[in-house]
């Protein structure tokens, strides 16, 4: 026979896993120094401008 599942414990365990993944994402976003964030933003802007410059106007 199968063991009964405590739904409350399962719900709490799932919430704990989701909270840990959200915390990991927040650490990535908010854990970077300002210089690194600015550099990443500048590189993204440069790439966006380079792509926009190569588009054809029809």
N, C-alpha and C. Protein backbone atom coordinates (compact mmCIF):
# COMPACT_ATOMS: atom_id res chain seq x y z
N UNK A 1 0.84 -1.18 0.00
CA UNK A 1 0.00 0.00 0.00
C UNK A 1 0.89 1.24 0.00
N UNK A 2 0.41 2.26 -0.59
CA UNK A 2 1.16 3.50 -0.73
C UNK A 2 1.02 4.33 0.55
N UNK A 3 2.13 4.96 0.91
CA UNK A 3 2.11 5.84 2.09
C UNK A 3 1.28 7.09 1.80
N UNK A 4 0.49 7.55 2.75
CA UNK A 4 -0.27 8.78 2.54
C UNK A 4 0.68 9.99 2.49
N UNK A 5 0.29 10.97 1.71
CA UNK A 5 1.10 12.17 1.52
C UNK A 5 0.49 13.29 2.34
N UNK A 6 1.31 13.96 3.10
CA UNK A 6 0.86 15.13 3.84
C UNK A 6 0.91 16.31 2.88
N UNK A 7 -0.25 16.75 2.44
CA UNK A 7 -0.32 17.82 1.43
C UNK A 7 0.22 19.14 1.94
N UNK A 8 0.08 19.39 3.23
CA UNK A 8 0.60 20.62 3.80
C UNK A 8 2.12 20.65 3.71
N UNK A 9 2.77 19.53 4.01
CA UNK A 9 4.23 19.46 3.92
C UNK A 9 4.69 19.56 2.46
N UNK A 10 3.96 18.95 1.56
CA UNK A 10 4.30 19.02 0.14
C UNK A 10 4.19 20.45 -0.37
N UNK A 11 3.14 21.15 0.04
CA UNK A 11 2.94 22.55 -0.37
C UNK A 11 4.06 23.42 0.16
N UNK A 12 4.42 23.23 1.42
CA UNK A 12 5.48 24.03 2.02
C UNK A 12 6.83 23.73 1.38
N UNK A 13 7.09 22.48 1.06
CA UNK A 13 8.35 22.11 0.41
C UNK A 13 8.45 22.75 -0.97
N UNK A 14 7.34 22.73 -1.72
CA UNK A 14 7.33 23.35 -3.05
C UNK A 14 7.56 24.86 -2.94
N UNK A 15 6.93 25.50 -1.96
CA UNK A 15 7.11 26.94 -1.76
C UNK A 15 8.56 27.25 -1.38
N UNK A 16 9.17 26.38 -0.60
CA UNK A 16 10.56 26.59 -0.19
C UNK A 16 11.50 26.51 -1.39
N UNK A 17 11.26 25.58 -2.29
CA UNK A 17 12.08 25.44 -3.49
C UNK A 17 11.91 26.68 -4.37
N UNK A 18 10.68 27.14 -4.54
CA UNK A 18 10.43 28.32 -5.35
C UNK A 18 11.08 29.56 -4.74
N UNK A 19 11.04 29.69 -3.42
CA UNK A 19 11.66 30.82 -2.75
C UNK A 19 13.18 30.79 -2.93
N UNK A 20 13.76 29.60 -2.88
CA UNK A 20 15.21 29.49 -3.08
C UNK A 20 15.60 29.88 -4.50
N UNK A 21 14.81 29.48 -5.49
CA UNK A 21 15.14 29.85 -6.86
C UNK A 21 14.98 31.35 -7.07
N UNK A 22 13.97 31.95 -6.48
CA UNK A 22 13.78 33.40 -6.57
C UNK A 22 14.92 34.13 -5.90
N UNK A 23 15.39 33.62 -4.76
CA UNK A 23 16.51 34.24 -4.06
C UNK A 23 17.78 34.16 -4.90
N UNK A 24 17.97 33.06 -5.60
CA UNK A 24 19.15 32.92 -6.46
C UNK A 24 19.10 33.93 -7.60
N UNK A 25 17.92 34.12 -8.19
CA UNK A 25 17.78 35.12 -9.25
C UNK A 25 18.04 36.52 -8.71
N UNK A 26 17.55 36.83 -7.52
CA UNK A 26 17.77 38.14 -6.93
C UNK A 26 19.24 38.37 -6.63
N UNK A 27 19.94 37.32 -6.19
CA UNK A 27 21.37 37.46 -5.92
C UNK A 27 22.13 37.81 -7.20
N UNK A 28 21.72 37.22 -8.31
CA UNK A 28 22.38 37.51 -9.58
C UNK A 28 22.12 38.96 -9.99
N UNK A 29 20.89 39.39 -9.88
CA UNK A 29 20.52 40.73 -10.34
C UNK A 29 21.07 41.81 -9.41
N UNK A 30 20.89 41.64 -8.12
CA UNK A 30 21.23 42.69 -7.17
C UNK A 30 22.61 42.52 -6.55
N UNK A 31 23.27 41.41 -6.83
CA UNK A 31 24.55 41.16 -6.21
C UNK A 31 25.73 41.66 -7.02
N UNK A 32 25.49 42.26 -8.19
CA UNK A 32 26.58 42.73 -9.02
C UNK A 32 26.98 44.15 -8.63
N UNK A 33 28.27 44.45 -8.70
CA UNK A 33 28.71 45.82 -8.45
C UNK A 33 28.17 46.76 -9.54
N UNK A 34 28.09 48.03 -9.21
CA UNK A 34 27.54 49.00 -10.14
C UNK A 34 28.37 49.08 -11.42
N UNK A 35 29.67 48.98 -11.31
CA UNK A 35 30.53 49.05 -12.49
C UNK A 35 30.22 47.91 -13.46
N UNK A 36 29.97 46.73 -12.94
CA UNK A 36 29.66 45.57 -13.80
C UNK A 36 28.30 45.75 -14.45
N UNK A 37 27.33 46.25 -13.70
CA UNK A 37 26.00 46.50 -14.28
C UNK A 37 26.08 47.55 -15.37
N UNK A 38 26.83 48.63 -15.12
CA UNK A 38 26.97 49.69 -16.12
C UNK A 38 27.66 49.17 -17.37
N UNK A 39 28.69 48.34 -17.19
CA UNK A 39 29.39 47.78 -18.33
C UNK A 39 28.47 46.89 -19.15
N UNK A 40 27.68 46.07 -18.50
CA UNK A 40 26.74 45.20 -19.20
C UNK A 40 25.69 46.02 -19.95
N UNK A 41 25.21 47.08 -19.34
CA UNK A 41 24.23 47.94 -20.00
C UNK A 41 24.84 48.63 -21.20
N UNK A 42 26.09 49.09 -21.08
CA UNK A 42 26.76 49.75 -22.20
C UNK A 42 26.98 48.78 -23.35
N UNK A 43 27.37 47.55 -23.03
CA UNK A 43 27.58 46.55 -24.08
C UNK A 43 26.26 46.22 -24.77
N UNK A 44 25.19 46.12 -24.01
CA UNK A 44 23.88 45.83 -24.60
C UNK A 44 23.43 46.98 -25.51
N UNK A 45 23.66 48.21 -25.08
CA UNK A 45 23.28 49.38 -25.88
C UNK A 45 24.10 49.42 -27.17
N UNK A 46 25.39 49.12 -27.07
CA UNK A 46 26.25 49.13 -28.26
C UNK A 46 25.80 48.06 -29.24
N UNK A 47 25.47 46.87 -28.75
CA UNK A 47 25.00 45.80 -29.62
C UNK A 47 23.67 46.16 -30.26
N UNK A 48 22.78 46.78 -29.48
CA UNK A 48 21.48 47.19 -30.00
C UNK A 48 21.66 48.25 -31.10
N UNK A 49 22.55 49.22 -30.88
CA UNK A 49 22.79 50.25 -31.87
C UNK A 49 23.44 49.69 -33.13
N UNK A 50 24.36 48.74 -32.95
CA UNK A 50 25.01 48.12 -34.11
C UNK A 50 23.99 47.35 -34.94
N UNK A 51 23.08 46.65 -34.29
CA UNK A 51 22.05 45.92 -35.01
C UNK A 51 21.10 46.88 -35.72
N UNK A 52 20.74 47.96 -35.06
CA UNK A 52 19.83 48.93 -35.66
C UNK A 52 20.49 49.59 -36.87
N UNK A 53 21.81 49.78 -36.84
CA UNK A 53 22.52 50.37 -37.95
C UNK A 53 22.61 49.46 -39.15
N UNK A 54 22.48 48.18 -38.96
CA UNK A 54 22.60 47.21 -40.07
C UNK A 54 21.25 46.85 -40.69
N UNK A 55 20.17 47.35 -40.13
CA UNK A 55 18.85 47.04 -40.67
C UNK A 55 18.64 47.80 -41.97
N UNK A 56 17.96 47.16 -42.88
CA UNK A 56 17.66 47.79 -44.15
C UNK A 56 16.36 48.56 -44.05
N UNK A 57 16.33 49.70 -44.68
CA UNK A 57 15.12 50.51 -44.75
C UNK A 57 14.46 50.23 -46.10
N UNK A 58 13.27 49.67 -46.10
CA UNK A 58 12.58 49.36 -47.36
C UNK A 58 11.53 50.38 -47.68
